[in-house]
Amino acid sequence: MTEAILLINMGGPARRNDVEPYLREIFSDPAIIDLPAIIRKPLASLIAMKRKEEVADRYEALGGYSPLFHWSEALRQNIIHELAIRSEQMEVAWAFRYMSPSIDDAMKALAQKGVTKVHILPLFPHYTHTMTGSVMKVVEQSAKTHGLEFQYLEDWGQEEHVLELWGHYLKTAIAEAGQNVRVMFVAHGIPQVYVNRGDDYPDRVRASADKLAKYLPDGTKWVVAFQSKVGPVEWTKPYMEDALAEWTTTDDPIVMMPLSFVADCLETLYDLDDVAKKQVGLSGVTKYVRARVFNDDPRFATALLNVWQEKCYAASC
């Protein structure tokens, strides 16, 4: 049996003209907008048309395209290197849920190379129906189409190998921020309606934060907040902006610790490094530090493969 690893992230536009179809793909996903297709698809087109210029301008500020193309390939190379160290020979590829290279294109290419089983590693630390669940549906359909076996790592945000690396980033950021630091663990929000239906994503995020709290100096104030709300409906709370507003009544340093993103993207470089930083700066907070994400750190490839081998590969799941 020839096996492969497929890394899957949400994706992003490669150029300005990709922004509208990218947004349309996201909001056409029934896991994102749970409405009949006859309503959902026109609504997705309307949302994409209204938001395209604003979102495109944000990407222009980042260089005109999503950094996830670069970081996905960097992670692929680090995974290949780590597999070689472990004397494992496997194909390694990456794909996006809402942009090219698509999951189906990647699965088809692997099948054409003679791969018979694909190990799916979604690059989302915490399972949620709106993202990991959506990816898994596409994987299942594609695997059936191309005659592939597959298994997947559901989530990994509470695994010690990953927590240790996050903890290192957290301690580094705290040292930079200085005395009396406060820590805000931030994660991408989801519509509250999905939580009401049983999606335990917020609990998974908070469990990671609870475990990371051991890396904080005694007495450190910390909170979990959610970012990137879209539209008028209620999302998971507290919202990052509201939590920051409460904290900016004093000038003690703030560390932002992202828990949803394996690599820098619009949500870190714009939401955290621009919007949140400006909000804090206007209030007179003495220091604002955003902890790094994994990006091309080879230790992340090591940690991710350790989790995969312990939870799935070694058990032949």
C-alpha atoms as a PDB file:
ATOM      1  CA  MET A   1       0.000   0.000   0.000  1.00  0.00           C
ATOM      2  CA  THR A   2       1.363   3.407  -1.003  1.00  0.00           C
ATOM      3  CA  GLU A   3       0.427   6.070   1.512  1.00  0.00           C
ATOM      4  CA  ALA A   4       0.452   9.860   1.571  1.00  0.00           C
ATOM      5  CA  ILE A   5      -0.151  12.777   3.907  1.00  0.00           C
ATOM      6  CA  LEU A   6      -2.491  15.567   2.828  1.00  0.00           C
ATOM      7  CA  LEU A   7      -2.354  18.826   4.777  1.00  0.00           C
ATOM      8  CA  ILE A   8      -5.558  20.869   4.480  1.00  0.00           C
ATOM      9  CA  ASN A   9      -6.151  24.513   5.358  1.00  0.00           C
ATOM     10  CA  MET A  10      -8.967  26.949   4.670  1.00  0.00           C
ATOM     11  CA  GLY A  11      -7.130  28.772   1.880  1.00  0.00           C
ATOM     12  CA  GLY A  12      -7.062  32.294   0.518  1.00  0.00           C
ATOM     13  CA  PRO A  13      -6.880  34.271  -2.720  1.00  0.00           C
ATOM     14  CA  ALA A  14      -3.806  34.167  -4.954  1.00  0.00           C
ATOM     15  CA  ARG A  15      -4.637  37.591  -6.459  1.00  0.00           C
ATOM     16  CA  ARG A  16      -7.229  40.343  -6.123  1.00  0.00           C
ATOM     17  CA  ASN A  17      -9.593  38.823  -8.692  1.00  0.00           C
ATOM     18  CA  ASP A  18      -9.781  35.649  -6.594  1.00  0.00           C
ATOM     19  CA  VAL A  19     -11.338  37.406  -3.608  1.00  0.00           C
ATOM     20  CA  GLU A  20     -14.960  37.357  -4.794  1.00  0.00           C
ATOM     21  CA  PRO A  21     -15.010  33.660  -5.841  1.00  0.00           C
ATOM     22  CA  TYR A  22     -13.139  32.781  -2.642  1.00  0.00           C
ATOM     23  CA  LEU A  23     -15.786  34.498  -0.498  1.00  0.00           C
ATOM     24  CA  ARG A  24     -18.571  32.993  -2.576  1.00  0.00           C
ATOM     25  CA  GLU A  25     -17.157  29.501  -1.998  1.00  0.00           C
ATOM     26  CA  ILE A  26     -17.031  30.064   1.761  1.00  0.00           C
ATOM     27  CA  PHE A  27     -20.572  31.350   2.101  1.00  0.00           C
ATOM     28  CA  SER A  28     -21.943  28.734  -0.319  1.00  0.00           C
ATOM     29  CA  ASP A  29     -20.825  26.006   2.085  1.00  0.00           C
ATOM     30  CA  PRO A  30     -23.872  24.653   3.983  1.00  0.00           C
ATOM     31  CA  ALA A  31     -21.594  24.146   6.983  1.00  0.00           C
ATOM     32  CA  ILE A  32     -21.164  27.939   7.088  1.00  0.00           C
ATOM     33  CA  ILE A  33     -24.672  29.086   6.119  1.00  0.00           C
ATOM     34  CA  ASP A  34     -27.221  26.428   6.990  1.00  0.00           C
ATOM     35  CA  LEU A  35     -29.971  27.344   4.553  1.00  0.00           C
ATOM     36  CA  PRO A  36     -31.502  25.581   1.529  1.00  0.00           C
ATOM     37  CA  ALA A  37     -29.300  25.895  -1.568  1.00  0.00           C
ATOM     38  CA  ILE A  38     -31.922  27.947  -3.397  1.00  0.00           C
ATOM     39  CA  ILE A  39     -31.466  30.648  -0.730  1.00  0.00           C
ATOM     40  CA  ARG A  40     -27.864  30.017   0.324  1.00  0.00           C
ATOM     41  CA  LYS A  41     -26.202  30.357  -3.088  1.00  0.00           C
ATOM     42  CA  PRO A  42     -27.743  33.716  -4.087  1.00  0.00           C
ATOM     43  CA  LEU A  43     -27.042  34.974  -0.567  1.00  0.00           C
ATOM     44  CA  ALA A  44     -23.413  33.838  -0.857  1.00  0.00           C
ATOM     45  CA  SER A  45     -23.057  35.725  -4.129  1.00  0.00           C
ATOM     46  CA  LEU A  46     -24.536  38.849  -2.559  1.00  0.00           C
ATOM     47  CA  ILE A  47     -22.233  38.692   0.479  1.00  0.00           C
ATOM     48  CA  ALA A  48     -19.188  38.101  -1.734  1.00  0.00           C
ATOM     49  CA  MET A  49     -20.046  41.021  -3.994  1.00  0.00           C
ATOM     50  CA  LYS A  50     -20.572  43.394  -1.056  1.00  0.00           C
ATOM     51  CA  ARG A  51     -17.418  42.369   0.813  1.00  0.00           C
ATOM     52  CA  LYS A  52     -14.965  41.785  -2.037  1.00  0.00           C
ATOM     53  CA  GLU A  53     -13.401  45.259  -2.192  1.00  0.00           C
ATOM     54  CA  GLU A  54     -12.953  45.571   1.565  1.00  0.00           C
ATOM     55  CA  VAL A  55     -11.385  42.121   1.847  1.00  0.00           C
ATOM     56  CA  ALA A  56      -9.260  42.632  -1.271  1.00  0.00           C
ATOM     57  CA  ASP A  57      -7.868  45.857   0.200  1.00  0.00           C
ATOM     58  CA  ARG A  58      -6.852  43.954   3.315  1.00  0.00           C
ATOM     59  CA  TYR A  59      -5.009  41.381   1.223  1.00  0.00           C
ATOM     60  CA  GLU A  60      -3.339  44.183  -0.739  1.00  0.00           C
ATOM     61  CA  ALA A  61      -1.858  45.369   2.545  1.00  0.00           C
ATOM     62  CA  LEU A  62      -0.373  41.876   2.993  1.00  0.00           C
ATOM     63  CA  GLY A  63       1.194  41.846  -0.459  1.00  0.00           C
ATOM     64  CA  GLY A  64      -1.838  41.110  -2.619  1.00  0.00           C
ATOM     65  CA  TYR A  65      -2.339  37.431  -1.846  1.00  0.00           C
ATOM     66  CA  SER A  66      -2.800  35.012   1.016  1.00  0.00           C
ATOM     67  CA  PRO A  67       0.407  34.090   2.891  1.00  0.00           C
ATOM     68  CA  LEU A  68      -1.007  30.572   3.286  1.00  0.00           C
ATOM     69  CA  PHE A  69       0.413  29.528  -0.082  1.00  0.00           C
ATOM     70  CA  HIS A  70       3.938  30.151   1.190  1.00  0.00           C
ATOM     71  CA  TRP A  71       3.401  28.730   4.660  1.00  0.00           C
ATOM     72  CA  SER A  72       1.629  25.595   3.391  1.00  0.00           C
ATOM     73  CA  GLU A  73       4.555  24.729   1.156  1.00  0.00           C
ATOM     74  CA  ALA A  74       7.010  25.475   3.969  1.00  0.00           C
ATOM     75  CA  LEU A  75       5.139  23.060   6.243  1.00  0.00           C
ATOM     76  CA  ARG A  76       5.080  20.426   3.488  1.00  0.00           C
ATOM     77  CA  GLN A  77       8.848  20.655   3.141  1.00  0.00           C
ATOM     78  CA  ASN A  78       9.317  20.429   6.915  1.00  0.00           C
ATOM     79  CA  ILE A  79       7.051  17.358   7.047  1.00  0.00           C
ATOM     80  CA  ILE A  80       9.050  15.711   4.245  1.00  0.00           C
ATOM     81  CA  HIS A  81      12.282  16.431   6.118  1.00  0.00           C
ATOM     82  CA  GLU A  82      10.909  15.055   9.381  1.00  0.00           C
ATOM     83  CA  LEU A  83       9.617  11.910   7.670  1.00  0.00           C
ATOM     84  CA  ALA A  84      13.077  11.333   6.192  1.00  0.00           C
ATOM     85  CA  ILE A  85      14.593  11.556   9.670  1.00  0.00           C
ATOM     86  CA  ARG A  86      12.123   8.864  10.738  1.00  0.00           C
ATOM     87  CA  SER A  87      12.929   6.743   7.665  1.00  0.00           C
ATOM     88  CA  GLU A  88       9.358   7.142   6.423  1.00  0.00           C
ATOM     89  CA  GLN A  89       8.784   7.449   2.684  1.00  0.00           C
ATOM     90  CA  MET A  90       5.448   9.045   1.851  1.00  0.00           C
ATOM     91  CA  GLU A  91       4.022  11.523  -0.597  1.00  0.00           C
ATOM     92  CA  VAL A  92       3.145  14.830   1.089  1.00  0.00           C
ATOM     93  CA  ALA A  93       0.755  17.357  -0.432  1.00  0.00           C
ATOM     94  CA  TRP A  94      -1.370  20.296   0.684  1.00  0.00           C
ATOM     95  CA  ALA A  95      -4.745  21.625  -0.370  1.00  0.00           C
ATOM     96  CA  PHE A  96      -7.269  24.334   0.440  1.00  0.00           C
ATOM     97  CA  ARG A  97     -10.939  23.941   1.270  1.00  0.00           C
ATOM     98  CA  TYR A  98     -12.100  27.084  -0.522  1.00  0.00           C
ATOM     99  CA  MET A  99      -9.427  27.810  -3.132  1.00  0.00           C
ATOM    100  CA  SER A 100      -7.091  26.060  -5.545  1.00  0.00           C
ATOM    101  CA  PRO A 101      -5.342  23.681  -5.080  1.00  0.00           C
ATOM    102  CA  SER A 102      -8.602  22.034  -4.072  1.00  0.00           C
ATOM    103  CA  ILE A 103      -8.970  18.921  -1.946  1.00  0.00           C
ATOM    104  CA  ASP A 104     -10.322  16.951  -4.896  1.00  0.00           C
ATOM    105  CA  ASP A 105      -7.474  18.038  -7.174  1.00  0.00           C
ATOM    106  CA  ALA A 106      -4.939  16.980  -4.551  1.00  0.00           C
ATOM    107  CA  MET A 107      -6.626  13.612  -3.951  1.00  0.00           C
ATOM    108  CA  LYS A 108      -6.811  12.978  -7.707  1.00  0.00           C
ATOM    109  CA  ALA A 109      -3.122  13.801  -8.148  1.00  0.00           C
ATOM    110  CA  LEU A 110      -2.166  11.458  -5.311  1.00  0.00           C
ATOM    111  CA  ALA A 111      -4.250   8.642  -6.798  1.00  0.00           C
ATOM    112  CA  GLN A 112      -2.538   9.172 -10.147  1.00  0.00           C
ATOM    113  CA  LYS A 113       0.815   8.708  -8.406  1.00  0.00           C
ATOM    114  CA  GLY A 114      -0.289   5.300  -7.174  1.00  0.00           C
ATOM    115  CA  VAL A 115      -1.267   6.316  -3.658  1.00  0.00           C
ATOM    116  CA  THR A 116      -3.935   4.064  -2.161  1.00  0.00           C
ATOM    117  CA  LYS A 117      -4.345   5.543   1.341  1.00  0.00           C
ATOM    118  CA  VAL A 118      -4.277   9.192   2.394  1.00  0.00           C
ATOM    119  CA  HIS A 119      -3.683  10.439   5.923  1.00  0.00           C
ATOM    120  CA  ILE A 120      -5.630  13.700   6.281  1.00  0.00           C
ATOM    121  CA  LEU A 121      -4.121  16.294   8.621  1.00  0.00           C
ATOM    122  CA  PRO A 122      -6.511  19.271   8.831  1.00  0.00           C
ATOM    123  CA  LEU A 123      -4.583  22.335   9.939  1.00  0.00           C
ATOM    124  CA  PHE A 124      -7.241  23.392  12.459  1.00  0.00           C
ATOM    125  CA  PRO A 125      -6.277  22.813  16.104  1.00  0.00           C
ATOM    126  CA  HIS A 126      -9.884  22.402  17.289  1.00  0.00           C
ATOM    127  CA  TYR A 127     -12.636  20.444  15.591  1.00  0.00           C
ATOM    128  CA  THR A 128     -15.698  22.391  14.526  1.00  0.00           C
ATOM    129  CA  HIS A 129     -18.524  21.411  12.220  1.00  0.00           C
ATOM    130  CA  THR A 130     -18.096  24.665  10.289  1.00  0.00           C
ATOM    131  CA  MET A 131     -14.537  23.903   9.186  1.00  0.00           C
ATOM    132  CA  THR A 132     -13.136  20.475  10.049  1.00  0.00           C
ATOM    133  CA  GLY A 133     -16.514  18.877   9.488  1.00  0.00           C
ATOM    134  CA  SER A 134     -16.848  20.599   6.132  1.00  0.00           C
ATOM    135  CA  VAL A 135     -13.376  19.410   5.095  1.00  0.00           C
ATOM    136  CA  MET A 136     -14.199  15.851   6.066  1.00  0.00           C
ATOM    137  CA  LYS A 137     -17.315  15.782   3.886  1.00  0.00           C
ATOM    138  CA  VAL A 138     -15.297  16.868   0.862  1.00  0.00           C
ATOM    139  CA  VAL A 139     -12.564  14.334   1.678  1.00  0.00           C
ATOM    140  CA  GLU A 140     -15.111  11.514   1.911  1.00  0.00           C
ATOM    141  CA  GLN A 141     -16.639  12.413  -1.443  1.00  0.00           C
ATOM    142  CA  SER A 142     -13.261  12.772  -3.139  1.00  0.00           C
ATOM    143  CA  ALA A 143     -11.879   9.537  -1.682  1.00  0.00           C
ATOM    144  CA  LYS A 144     -14.894   7.658  -3.012  1.00  0.00           C
ATOM    145  CA  THR A 145     -14.499   9.236  -6.450  1.00  0.00           C
ATOM    146  CA  HIS A 146     -10.820   8.335  -6.729  1.00  0.00           C
ATOM    147  CA  GLY A 147     -10.907   4.964  -4.980  1.00  0.00           C
ATOM    148  CA  LEU A 148      -8.768   5.988  -2.016  1.00  0.00           C
ATOM    149  CA  GLU A 149      -8.724   4.864   1.582  1.00  0.00           C
ATOM    150  CA  PHE A 150      -8.317   7.636   4.117  1.00  0.00           C
ATOM    151  CA  GLN A 151      -8.055   8.374   7.794  1.00  0.00           C
ATOM    152  CA  TYR A 152      -7.872  11.738   9.477  1.00  0.00           C
ATOM    153  CA  LEU A 153      -6.669  13.441  12.594  1.00  0.00           C
ATOM    154  CA  GLU A 154      -9.783  15.132  13.935  1.00  0.00           C
ATOM    155  CA  ASP A 155      -8.015  17.778  16.004  1.00  0.00           C
ATOM    156  CA  TRP A 156      -4.804  18.219  17.949  1.00  0.00           C
ATOM    157  CA  GLY A 157      -5.088  21.447  19.961  1.00  0.00           C
ATOM    158  CA  GLN A 158      -4.999  19.689  23.334  1.00  0.00           C
ATOM    159  CA  GLU A 159      -2.058  17.390  22.606  1.00  0.00           C
ATOM    160  CA  GLU A 160       1.049  17.827  24.746  1.00  0.00           C
ATOM    161  CA  HIS A 161       3.464  17.928  21.785  1.00  0.00           C
ATOM    162  CA  VAL A 162       1.632  20.980  20.446  1.00  0.00           C
ATOM    163  CA  LEU A 163       0.988  22.556  23.834  1.00  0.00           C
ATOM    164  CA  GLU A 164       4.705  22.523  24.609  1.00  0.00           C
ATOM    165  CA  LEU A 165       5.484  24.520  21.466  1.00  0.00           C
ATOM    166  CA  TRP A 166       2.621  26.937  22.091  1.00  0.00           C
ATOM    167  CA  GLY A 167       3.881  27.265  25.647  1.00  0.00           C
ATOM    168  CA  HIS A 168       7.321  28.249  24.367  1.00  0.00           C
ATOM    169  CA  TYR A 169       5.785  30.947  22.162  1.00  0.00           C
ATOM    170  CA  LEU A 170       3.651  32.147  25.049  1.00  0.00           C
ATOM    171  CA  LYS A 171       6.570  32.452  27.472  1.00  0.00           C
ATOM    172  CA  THR A 172       8.601  34.334  24.862  1.00  0.00           C
ATOM    173  CA  ALA A 173       5.782  36.828  24.341  1.00  0.00           C
ATOM    174  CA  ILE A 174       5.289  37.306  28.081  1.00  0.00           C
ATOM    175  CA  ALA A 175       9.001  38.017  28.545  1.00  0.00           C
ATOM    176  CA  GLU A 176       8.787  40.663  25.831  1.00  0.00           C
ATOM    177  CA  ALA A 177       5.684  42.262  27.335  1.00  0.00           C
ATOM    178  CA  GLY A 178       7.123  42.724  30.820  1.00  0.00           C
ATOM    179  CA  GLN A 179       5.636  42.970  34.291  1.00  0.00           C
ATOM    180  CA  ASN A 180       1.926  42.716  35.160  1.00  0.00           C
ATOM    181  CA  VAL A 181       1.108  41.177  31.799  1.00  0.00           C
ATOM    182  CA  ARG A 182      -2.394  40.006  30.906  1.00  0.00           C
ATOM    183  CA  VAL A 183      -2.956  37.228  28.370  1.00  0.00           C
ATOM    184  CA  MET A 184      -5.838  36.960  25.930  1.00  0.00           C
ATOM    185  CA  PHE A 185      -6.175  33.578  24.214  1.00  0.00           C
ATOM    186  CA  VAL A 186      -7.931  34.302  20.921  1.00  0.00           C
ATOM    187  CA  ALA A 187      -9.623  31.885  18.550  1.00  0.00           C
ATOM    188  CA  HIS A 188     -11.736  32.246  15.425  1.00  0.00           C
ATOM    189  CA  GLY A 189     -15.390  32.447  16.356  1.00  0.00           C
ATOM    190  CA  ILE A 190     -18.291  30.480  14.904  1.00  0.00           C
ATOM    191  CA  PRO A 191     -22.021  31.309  14.809  1.00  0.00           C
ATOM    192  CA  GLN A 192     -23.584  30.622  18.185  1.00  0.00           C
ATOM    193  CA  VAL A 193     -26.416  28.694  16.548  1.00  0.00           C
ATOM    194  CA  TYR A 194     -24.016  25.822  15.830  1.00  0.00           C
ATOM    195  CA  VAL A 195     -22.948  25.706  19.475  1.00  0.00           C
ATOM    196  CA  ASN A 196     -26.605  25.614  20.464  1.00  0.00           C
ATOM    197  CA  ARG A 197     -26.971  22.545  18.226  1.00  0.00           C
ATOM    198  CA  GLY A 198     -24.129  20.735  19.958  1.00  0.00           C
ATOM    199  CA  ASP A 199     -20.850  21.883  18.389  1.00  0.00           C
ATOM    200  CA  ASP A 200     -18.379  21.801  21.298  1.00  0.00           C
ATOM    201  CA  TYR A 201     -15.729  23.919  19.563  1.00  0.00           C
ATOM    202  CA  PRO A 202     -15.643  26.652  22.254  1.00  0.00           C
ATOM    203  CA  ASP A 203     -15.088  24.001  24.933  1.00  0.00           C
ATOM    204  CA  ARG A 204     -12.161  22.563  22.951  1.00  0.00           C
ATOM    205  CA  VAL A 205     -10.606  26.024  22.637  1.00  0.00           C
ATOM    206  CA  ARG A 206     -11.039  26.724  26.347  1.00  0.00           C
ATOM    207  CA  ALA A 207      -9.524  23.334  27.202  1.00  0.00           C
ATOM    208  CA  SER A 208      -6.366  24.314  25.313  1.00  0.00           C
ATOM    209  CA  ALA A 209      -6.244  27.637  27.145  1.00  0.00           C
ATOM    210  CA  ASP A 210      -6.684  25.887  30.501  1.00  0.00           C
ATOM    211  CA  LYS A 211      -3.719  23.659  29.738  1.00  0.00           C
ATOM    212  CA  LEU A 212      -1.584  26.576  28.570  1.00  0.00           C
ATOM    213  CA  ALA A 213      -2.310  28.512  31.756  1.00  0.00           C
ATOM    214  CA  LYS A 214       0.422  26.489  33.476  1.00  0.00           C
ATOM    215  CA  TYR A 215       2.963  28.495  31.454  1.00  0.00           C
ATOM    216  CA  LEU A 216       1.737  31.791  32.942  1.00  0.00           C
ATOM    217  CA  PRO A 217       3.387  33.524  35.897  1.00  0.00           C
ATOM    218  CA  ASP A 218       1.435  33.106  39.125  1.00  0.00           C
ATOM    219  CA  GLY A 219      -1.457  35.528  39.353  1.00  0.00           C
ATOM    220  CA  THR A 220      -1.556  36.349  35.646  1.00  0.00           C
ATOM    221  CA  LYS A 221      -4.977  37.494  34.484  1.00  0.00           C
ATOM    222  CA  TRP A 222      -6.151  35.668  31.370  1.00  0.00           C
ATOM    223  CA  VAL A 223      -9.266  35.201  29.277  1.00  0.00           C
ATOM    224  CA  VAL A 224     -10.462  33.390  26.153  1.00  0.00           C
ATOM    225  CA  ALA A 225     -12.043  35.553  23.443  1.00  0.00           C
ATOM    226  CA  PHE A 226     -13.234  35.003  19.876  1.00  0.00           C
ATOM    227  CA  GLN A 227     -12.397  37.017  16.784  1.00  0.00           C
ATOM    228  CA  SER A 228     -13.439  37.520  13.139  1.00  0.00           C
ATOM    229  CA  LYS A 229     -17.210  37.754  13.567  1.00  0.00           C
ATOM    230  CA  VAL A 230     -19.077  38.226  10.271  1.00  0.00           C
ATOM    231  CA  GLY A 231     -22.634  39.463   9.816  1.00  0.00           C
ATOM    232  CA  PRO A 232     -25.411  40.455  12.249  1.00  0.00           C
ATOM    233  CA  VAL A 233     -26.034  37.076  13.922  1.00  0.00           C
ATOM    234  CA  GLU A 234     -24.613  36.182  17.319  1.00  0.00           C
ATOM    235  CA  TRP A 235     -21.235  34.406  17.335  1.00  0.00           C
ATOM    236  CA  THR A 236     -19.290  32.778  20.138  1.00  0.00           C
ATOM    237  CA  LYS A 237     -18.548  35.195  22.960  1.00  0.00           C
ATOM    238  CA  PRO A 238     -16.842  37.082  24.408  1.00  0.00           C
ATOM    239  CA  TYR A 239     -15.940  38.972  21.243  1.00  0.00           C
ATOM    240  CA  MET A 240     -12.294  39.982  21.121  1.00  0.00           C
ATOM    241  CA  GLU A 241     -13.122  43.673  20.693  1.00  0.00           C
ATOM    242  CA  ASP A 242     -15.380  43.676  23.763  1.00  0.00           C
ATOM    243  CA  ALA A 243     -12.824  41.827  25.876  1.00  0.00           C
ATOM    244  CA  LEU A 244     -10.124  44.301  24.861  1.00  0.00           C
ATOM    245  CA  ALA A 245     -12.400  47.234  25.687  1.00  0.00           C
ATOM    246  CA  GLU A 246     -12.718  45.894  29.236  1.00  0.00           C
ATOM    247  CA  TRP A 247      -8.973  45.433  29.534  1.00  0.00           C
ATOM    248  CA  THR A 248      -7.993  48.844  28.208  1.00  0.00           C
ATOM    249  CA  THR A 249      -9.336  50.550  31.329  1.00  0.00           C
ATOM    250  CA  THR A 250      -5.821  49.958  32.728  1.00  0.00           C
ATOM    251  CA  ASP A 251      -2.452  50.321  30.990  1.00  0.00           C
ATOM    252  CA  ASP A 252      -0.883  46.965  31.917  1.00  0.00           C
ATOM    253  CA  PRO A 253       0.727  45.060  28.997  1.00  0.00           C
ATOM    254  CA  ILE A 254      -1.375  42.666  26.919  1.00  0.00           C
ATOM    255  CA  VAL A 255      -0.249  39.486  25.168  1.00  0.00           C
ATOM    256  CA  MET A 256      -2.462  38.093  22.418  1.00  0.00           C
ATOM    257  CA  MET A 257      -2.086  34.330  22.035  1.00  0.00           C
ATOM    258  CA  PRO A 258      -3.732  32.965  18.835  1.00  0.00           C
ATOM    259  CA  LEU A 259      -5.080  29.421  19.144  1.00  0.00           C
ATOM    260  CA  SER A 260      -6.756  28.868  15.746  1.00  0.00           C
ATOM    261  CA  PHE A 261      -4.068  29.441  13.149  1.00  0.00           C
ATOM    262  CA  VAL A 262      -1.046  27.375  12.145  1.00  0.00           C
ATOM    263  CA  ALA A 263       0.331  30.221  10.017  1.00  0.00           C
ATOM    264  CA  ASP A 264       0.063  33.959   9.638  1.00  0.00           C
ATOM    265  CA  CYS A 265      -2.982  34.938   7.608  1.00  0.00           C
ATOM    266  CA  LEU A 266      -5.530  37.729   7.368  1.00  0.00           C
ATOM    267  CA  GLU A 267      -6.873  36.871  10.825  1.00  0.00           C
ATOM    268  CA  THR A 268      -3.488  37.335  12.507  1.00  0.00           C
ATOM    269  CA  LEU A 269      -1.864  39.996  10.333  1.00  0.00           C
ATOM    270  CA  TYR A 270      -4.989  42.163  10.032  1.00  0.00           C
ATOM    271  CA  ASP A 271      -7.359  41.319  12.910  1.00  0.00           C
ATOM    272  CA  LEU A 272      -4.639  41.040  15.558  1.00  0.00           C
ATOM    273  CA  ASP A 273      -1.644  43.017  14.273  1.00  0.00           C
ATOM    274  CA  ASP A 274      -3.710  45.908  12.918  1.00  0.00           C
ATOM    275  CA  VAL A 275      -7.245  46.192  14.320  1.00  0.00           C
ATOM    276  CA  ALA A 276      -6.616  44.895  17.848  1.00  0.00           C
ATOM    277  CA  LYS A 277      -3.240  46.627  18.138  1.00  0.00           C
ATOM    278  CA  LYS A 278      -4.774  49.979  17.151  1.00  0.00           C
ATOM    279  CA  GLN A 279      -7.617  49.516  19.624  1.00  0.00           C
ATOM    280  CA  VAL A 280      -5.134  48.880  22.422  1.00  0.00           C
ATOM    281  CA  GLY A 281      -2.776  51.642  21.306  1.00  0.00           C
ATOM    282  CA  LEU A 282      -5.484  54.297  21.444  1.00  0.00           C
ATOM    283  CA  SER A 283      -6.213  53.413  25.057  1.00  0.00           C
ATOM    284  CA  GLY A 284      -2.692  53.932  26.374  1.00  0.00           C
ATOM    285  CA  VAL A 285      -1.783  50.313  27.163  1.00  0.00           C
ATOM    286  CA  THR A 286       1.972  50.291  27.699  1.00  0.00           C
ATOM    287  CA  LYS A 287       2.804  47.212  25.625  1.00  0.00           C
ATOM    288  CA  TYR A 288       0.983  44.958  23.151  1.00  0.00           C
ATOM    289  CA  VAL A 289       2.614  41.708  22.054  1.00  0.00           C
ATOM    290  CA  ARG A 290       1.123  39.142  19.715  1.00  0.00           C
ATOM    291  CA  ALA A 291       2.583  35.678  20.220  1.00  0.00           C
ATOM    292  CA  ARG A 292       3.853  34.026  17.047  1.00  0.00           C
ATOM    293  CA  VAL A 293       2.156  31.194  15.205  1.00  0.00           C
ATOM    294  CA  PHE A 294       3.873  28.093  13.811  1.00  0.00           C
ATOM    295  CA  ASN A 295       4.621  29.324  10.258  1.00  0.00           C
ATOM    296  CA  ASP A 296       7.799  27.522   9.105  1.00  0.00           C
ATOM    297  CA  ASP A 297       9.013  26.412  12.543  1.00  0.00           C
ATOM    298  CA  PRO A 298      10.280  22.853  11.966  1.00  0.00           C
ATOM    299  CA  ARG A 299       9.294  21.981  15.527  1.00  0.00           C
ATOM    300  CA  PHE A 300       5.653  22.185  14.474  1.00  0.00           C
ATOM    301  CA  ALA A 301       6.187  19.527  11.811  1.00  0.00           C
ATOM    302  CA  THR A 302       7.780  17.358  14.489  1.00  0.00           C
ATOM    303  CA  ALA A 303       4.926  17.945  16.935  1.00  0.00           C
ATOM    304  CA  LEU A 304       2.217  17.326  14.342  1.00  0.00           C
ATOM    305  CA  LEU A 305       3.806  14.086  13.163  1.00  0.00           C
ATOM    306  CA  ASN A 306       4.255  12.945  16.762  1.00  0.00           C
ATOM    307  CA  VAL A 307       0.530  13.444  17.404  1.00  0.00           C
ATOM    308  CA  TRP A 308      -0.406  11.748  14.130  1.00  0.00           C
ATOM    309  CA  GLN A 309       1.803   8.725  14.766  1.00  0.00           C
ATOM    310  CA  GLU A 310       0.615   8.328  18.346  1.00  0.00           C
ATOM    311  CA  LYS A 311      -3.102   8.777  17.643  1.00  0.00           C
ATOM    312  CA  CYS A 312      -3.508   7.314  14.182  1.00  0.00           C
ATOM    313  CA  TYR A 313      -0.630   5.865  12.214  1.00  0.00           C
ATOM    314  CA  ALA A 314       0.819   3.580  14.868  1.00  0.00           C
ATOM    315  CA  ALA A 315      -2.688   2.345  15.683  1.00  0.00           C
ATOM    316  CA  SER A 316      -3.462   1.745  11.984  1.00  0.00           C
ATOM    317  CA  CYS A 317      -6.652   3.742  12.336  1.00  0.00           C
END
